[in-house]
N, C-alpha and C. Protein backbone atom coordinates (compact mmCIF):
# COMPACT_ATOMS: atom_id res chain seq x y z
N UNK A 1 71.11 -13.81 122.35
CA UNK A 1 72.08 -13.23 121.37
C UNK A 1 71.52 -11.98 120.83
N UNK A 2 70.16 -11.87 120.76
CA UNK A 2 69.51 -10.64 120.16
C UNK A 2 69.91 -9.44 120.90
N UNK A 3 69.93 -9.49 122.19
CA UNK A 3 70.29 -8.34 122.94
C UNK A 3 71.67 -7.85 122.67
N UNK A 4 72.60 -8.78 122.59
CA UNK A 4 74.01 -8.45 122.28
C UNK A 4 74.08 -7.85 120.92
N UNK A 5 73.43 -8.40 119.93
CA UNK A 5 73.49 -7.93 118.55
C UNK A 5 72.96 -6.52 118.44
N UNK A 6 71.98 -6.11 119.30
CA UNK A 6 71.44 -4.86 119.24
C UNK A 6 72.29 -3.77 120.04
N UNK A 7 73.30 -4.29 120.77
CA UNK A 7 74.10 -3.38 121.57
C UNK A 7 75.34 -2.85 120.79
N UNK A 8 76.15 -1.97 121.47
CA UNK A 8 77.29 -1.48 120.83
C UNK A 8 78.48 -2.43 120.97
N UNK A 9 78.32 -3.61 121.48
CA UNK A 9 79.35 -4.54 121.74
C UNK A 9 79.44 -5.74 120.84
N UNK A 10 80.49 -6.32 120.64
CA UNK A 10 80.53 -7.55 119.78
C UNK A 10 80.26 -8.74 120.71
N UNK A 11 79.74 -9.84 120.07
CA UNK A 11 79.37 -10.97 120.87
C UNK A 11 79.68 -12.23 120.05
N UNK A 12 79.91 -13.29 120.74
CA UNK A 12 80.15 -14.58 120.02
C UNK A 12 79.43 -15.67 120.89
N UNK A 13 78.65 -16.41 120.26
CA UNK A 13 77.91 -17.54 120.90
C UNK A 13 78.72 -18.84 120.64
N UNK A 14 79.16 -19.53 121.70
CA UNK A 14 79.89 -20.73 121.58
C UNK A 14 81.11 -20.63 120.70
N UNK A 15 81.81 -19.48 120.99
CA UNK A 15 83.03 -19.24 120.14
C UNK A 15 84.25 -19.71 120.81
N UNK A 16 85.14 -18.80 121.06
CA UNK A 16 86.51 -19.13 121.60
C UNK A 16 86.38 -19.86 122.96
N UNK A 17 85.51 -19.38 123.76
CA UNK A 17 85.30 -19.90 125.10
C UNK A 17 84.12 -20.86 125.12
N UNK A 18 84.18 -22.08 125.15
CA UNK A 18 83.13 -23.03 125.00
C UNK A 18 82.73 -23.51 126.37
N UNK A 19 82.81 -22.74 127.41
CA UNK A 19 82.34 -23.15 128.76
C UNK A 19 83.45 -23.55 129.56
N UNK A 20 83.67 -22.97 130.74
CA UNK A 20 84.74 -23.28 131.60
C UNK A 20 84.32 -24.23 132.72
N UNK A 21 84.98 -24.30 133.78
CA UNK A 21 84.81 -25.20 134.84
C UNK A 21 83.40 -24.94 135.41
N UNK A 22 83.04 -23.78 135.75
CA UNK A 22 81.79 -23.44 136.32
C UNK A 22 80.61 -23.93 135.57
N UNK A 23 80.62 -23.68 134.25
CA UNK A 23 79.42 -24.11 133.44
C UNK A 23 79.40 -25.62 133.27
N UNK A 24 80.56 -26.34 133.26
CA UNK A 24 80.59 -27.78 133.12
C UNK A 24 80.21 -28.40 134.48
N UNK A 25 80.64 -27.74 135.53
CA UNK A 25 80.43 -28.35 136.86
C UNK A 25 79.08 -28.18 137.47
N UNK A 26 78.50 -26.90 137.23
CA UNK A 26 77.27 -26.64 137.80
C UNK A 26 76.08 -26.84 136.81
N UNK A 27 76.31 -26.61 135.55
CA UNK A 27 75.27 -26.80 134.53
C UNK A 27 74.82 -28.21 134.35
N UNK A 28 73.51 -28.44 134.39
CA UNK A 28 72.90 -29.77 134.12
C UNK A 28 71.64 -29.58 133.34
N UNK A 29 71.78 -29.20 131.98
CA UNK A 29 70.60 -28.90 131.23
C UNK A 29 69.48 -29.95 131.25
N UNK A 30 69.93 -31.25 131.28
CA UNK A 30 69.00 -32.36 131.32
C UNK A 30 68.08 -32.38 132.45
N UNK A 31 68.54 -31.66 133.52
CA UNK A 31 67.71 -31.50 134.76
C UNK A 31 67.24 -30.10 134.99
N UNK A 32 67.31 -29.28 133.88
CA UNK A 32 66.79 -27.92 134.01
C UNK A 32 67.66 -26.94 134.65
N UNK A 33 68.93 -27.27 134.74
CA UNK A 33 70.00 -26.38 135.44
C UNK A 33 70.93 -25.89 134.28
N UNK A 34 70.71 -24.66 133.80
CA UNK A 34 71.55 -24.12 132.83
C UNK A 34 72.58 -23.23 133.37
N UNK A 35 73.66 -23.04 132.79
CA UNK A 35 74.81 -22.29 133.29
C UNK A 35 75.20 -21.27 132.13
N UNK A 36 75.66 -20.17 132.51
CA UNK A 36 76.07 -19.17 131.56
C UNK A 36 77.45 -18.66 131.90
N UNK A 37 78.30 -18.47 130.88
CA UNK A 37 79.65 -17.92 131.09
C UNK A 37 79.70 -16.74 130.23
N UNK A 38 80.13 -15.58 130.88
CA UNK A 38 80.25 -14.29 130.24
C UNK A 38 81.67 -13.80 130.34
N UNK A 39 82.35 -13.63 129.19
CA UNK A 39 83.72 -13.07 129.18
C UNK A 39 83.57 -11.55 128.87
N UNK A 40 84.08 -10.73 129.70
CA UNK A 40 83.94 -9.27 129.56
C UNK A 40 85.30 -8.61 129.42
N UNK A 41 85.53 -7.88 128.33
CA UNK A 41 86.80 -7.21 128.16
C UNK A 41 86.92 -6.01 129.10
N UNK A 42 88.17 -5.76 129.62
CA UNK A 42 88.39 -4.73 130.46
C UNK A 42 88.00 -3.28 129.85
N UNK A 43 88.16 -3.24 128.56
CA UNK A 43 87.85 -1.88 127.88
C UNK A 43 86.43 -1.57 127.98
N UNK A 44 85.55 -2.51 128.47
CA UNK A 44 84.10 -2.21 128.61
C UNK A 44 83.82 -1.43 129.90
N UNK A 45 84.75 -1.42 130.84
CA UNK A 45 84.53 -0.80 132.11
C UNK A 45 85.73 0.05 132.66
N UNK A 46 86.76 0.12 131.93
CA UNK A 46 87.91 0.85 132.43
C UNK A 46 88.73 1.53 131.31
N UNK A 47 89.40 2.53 131.73
CA UNK A 47 90.41 3.22 130.82
C UNK A 47 91.63 2.34 130.90
N UNK A 48 91.86 1.62 129.80
CA UNK A 48 93.03 0.60 129.84
C UNK A 48 94.42 1.30 129.80
N UNK A 49 94.53 2.49 129.22
CA UNK A 49 95.80 3.14 129.14
C UNK A 49 96.21 3.65 130.53
N UNK A 50 95.23 3.98 131.33
CA UNK A 50 95.58 4.55 132.72
C UNK A 50 95.25 3.50 133.76
N UNK A 51 94.82 2.31 133.36
CA UNK A 51 94.35 1.23 134.26
C UNK A 51 93.47 1.75 135.37
N UNK A 52 92.39 2.54 134.95
CA UNK A 52 91.56 3.21 135.90
C UNK A 52 90.10 2.80 135.50
N UNK A 53 89.32 2.48 136.57
CA UNK A 53 87.93 2.17 136.45
C UNK A 53 87.25 3.38 135.82
N UNK A 54 86.29 3.29 134.89
CA UNK A 54 85.52 4.40 134.21
C UNK A 54 84.07 4.09 134.54
N UNK A 55 83.46 4.86 135.38
CA UNK A 55 82.10 4.71 135.74
C UNK A 55 81.13 4.90 134.61
N UNK A 56 81.46 5.73 133.67
CA UNK A 56 80.55 5.93 132.49
C UNK A 56 80.57 4.73 131.64
N UNK A 57 81.70 4.10 131.36
CA UNK A 57 81.77 2.95 130.58
C UNK A 57 81.03 1.74 131.31
N UNK A 58 81.27 1.70 132.62
CA UNK A 58 80.69 0.60 133.41
C UNK A 58 79.15 0.62 133.40
N UNK A 59 78.59 1.84 133.50
CA UNK A 59 77.22 2.00 133.50
C UNK A 59 76.55 1.53 132.16
N UNK A 60 77.28 1.89 131.08
CA UNK A 60 76.80 1.50 129.71
C UNK A 60 76.82 -0.05 129.65
N UNK A 61 77.87 -0.66 129.95
CA UNK A 61 77.89 -2.13 129.77
C UNK A 61 77.04 -2.84 130.82
N UNK A 62 76.85 -2.19 131.99
CA UNK A 62 75.93 -2.75 132.99
C UNK A 62 74.51 -2.77 132.48
N UNK A 63 74.08 -1.79 131.78
CA UNK A 63 72.79 -1.79 131.20
C UNK A 63 72.61 -2.88 130.19
N UNK A 64 73.59 -3.22 129.42
CA UNK A 64 73.51 -4.26 128.40
C UNK A 64 73.50 -5.61 129.11
N UNK A 65 74.30 -5.79 130.10
CA UNK A 65 74.36 -7.01 130.79
C UNK A 65 72.93 -7.23 131.52
N UNK A 66 72.41 -6.17 132.12
CA UNK A 66 71.10 -6.35 132.71
C UNK A 66 70.08 -6.81 131.73
N UNK A 67 70.04 -6.18 130.52
CA UNK A 67 69.13 -6.54 129.48
C UNK A 67 69.33 -8.01 129.06
N UNK A 68 70.58 -8.41 128.95
CA UNK A 68 70.84 -9.85 128.67
C UNK A 68 70.32 -10.76 129.68
N UNK A 69 70.60 -10.52 130.96
CA UNK A 69 70.11 -11.31 132.03
C UNK A 69 68.63 -11.44 132.11
N UNK A 70 67.98 -10.28 131.87
CA UNK A 70 66.46 -10.32 131.87
C UNK A 70 65.96 -11.21 130.68
N UNK A 71 66.63 -11.19 129.55
CA UNK A 71 66.26 -12.00 128.43
C UNK A 71 66.43 -13.47 128.80
N UNK A 72 67.48 -13.77 129.47
CA UNK A 72 67.82 -15.21 129.85
C UNK A 72 66.72 -15.70 130.79
N UNK A 73 66.38 -14.90 131.78
CA UNK A 73 65.34 -15.20 132.78
C UNK A 73 64.01 -15.47 132.08
N UNK A 74 63.67 -14.56 131.12
CA UNK A 74 62.39 -14.71 130.39
C UNK A 74 62.35 -16.06 129.69
N UNK A 75 63.41 -16.33 128.97
CA UNK A 75 63.45 -17.66 128.26
C UNK A 75 63.41 -18.80 129.22
N UNK A 76 64.14 -18.76 130.34
CA UNK A 76 64.10 -19.78 131.34
C UNK A 76 62.70 -20.07 131.89
N UNK A 77 61.92 -19.05 132.11
CA UNK A 77 60.56 -19.08 132.62
C UNK A 77 59.63 -19.76 131.60
N UNK A 78 59.91 -19.62 130.29
CA UNK A 78 59.07 -20.16 129.26
C UNK A 78 59.29 -21.66 129.02
N UNK A 79 60.40 -22.16 129.51
CA UNK A 79 60.80 -23.56 129.30
C UNK A 79 59.94 -24.53 130.24
């Protein structure tokens, strides 16, 4: 959550989406199998008024997602 809080994006932990099929089906924390669900708004990577992909927006959000995933991997290796 720290990476998200330091970014330009809003974030919610265990908020409106409390885990979908994939996280329930594949996640098994008791056996060391964790699952992550990420909901991403279209406005993070596209011009919504023109319904057009925006490479600049996508690069920015991609960097944040990469930082988040690196943080998750770091924590997973510490467990």
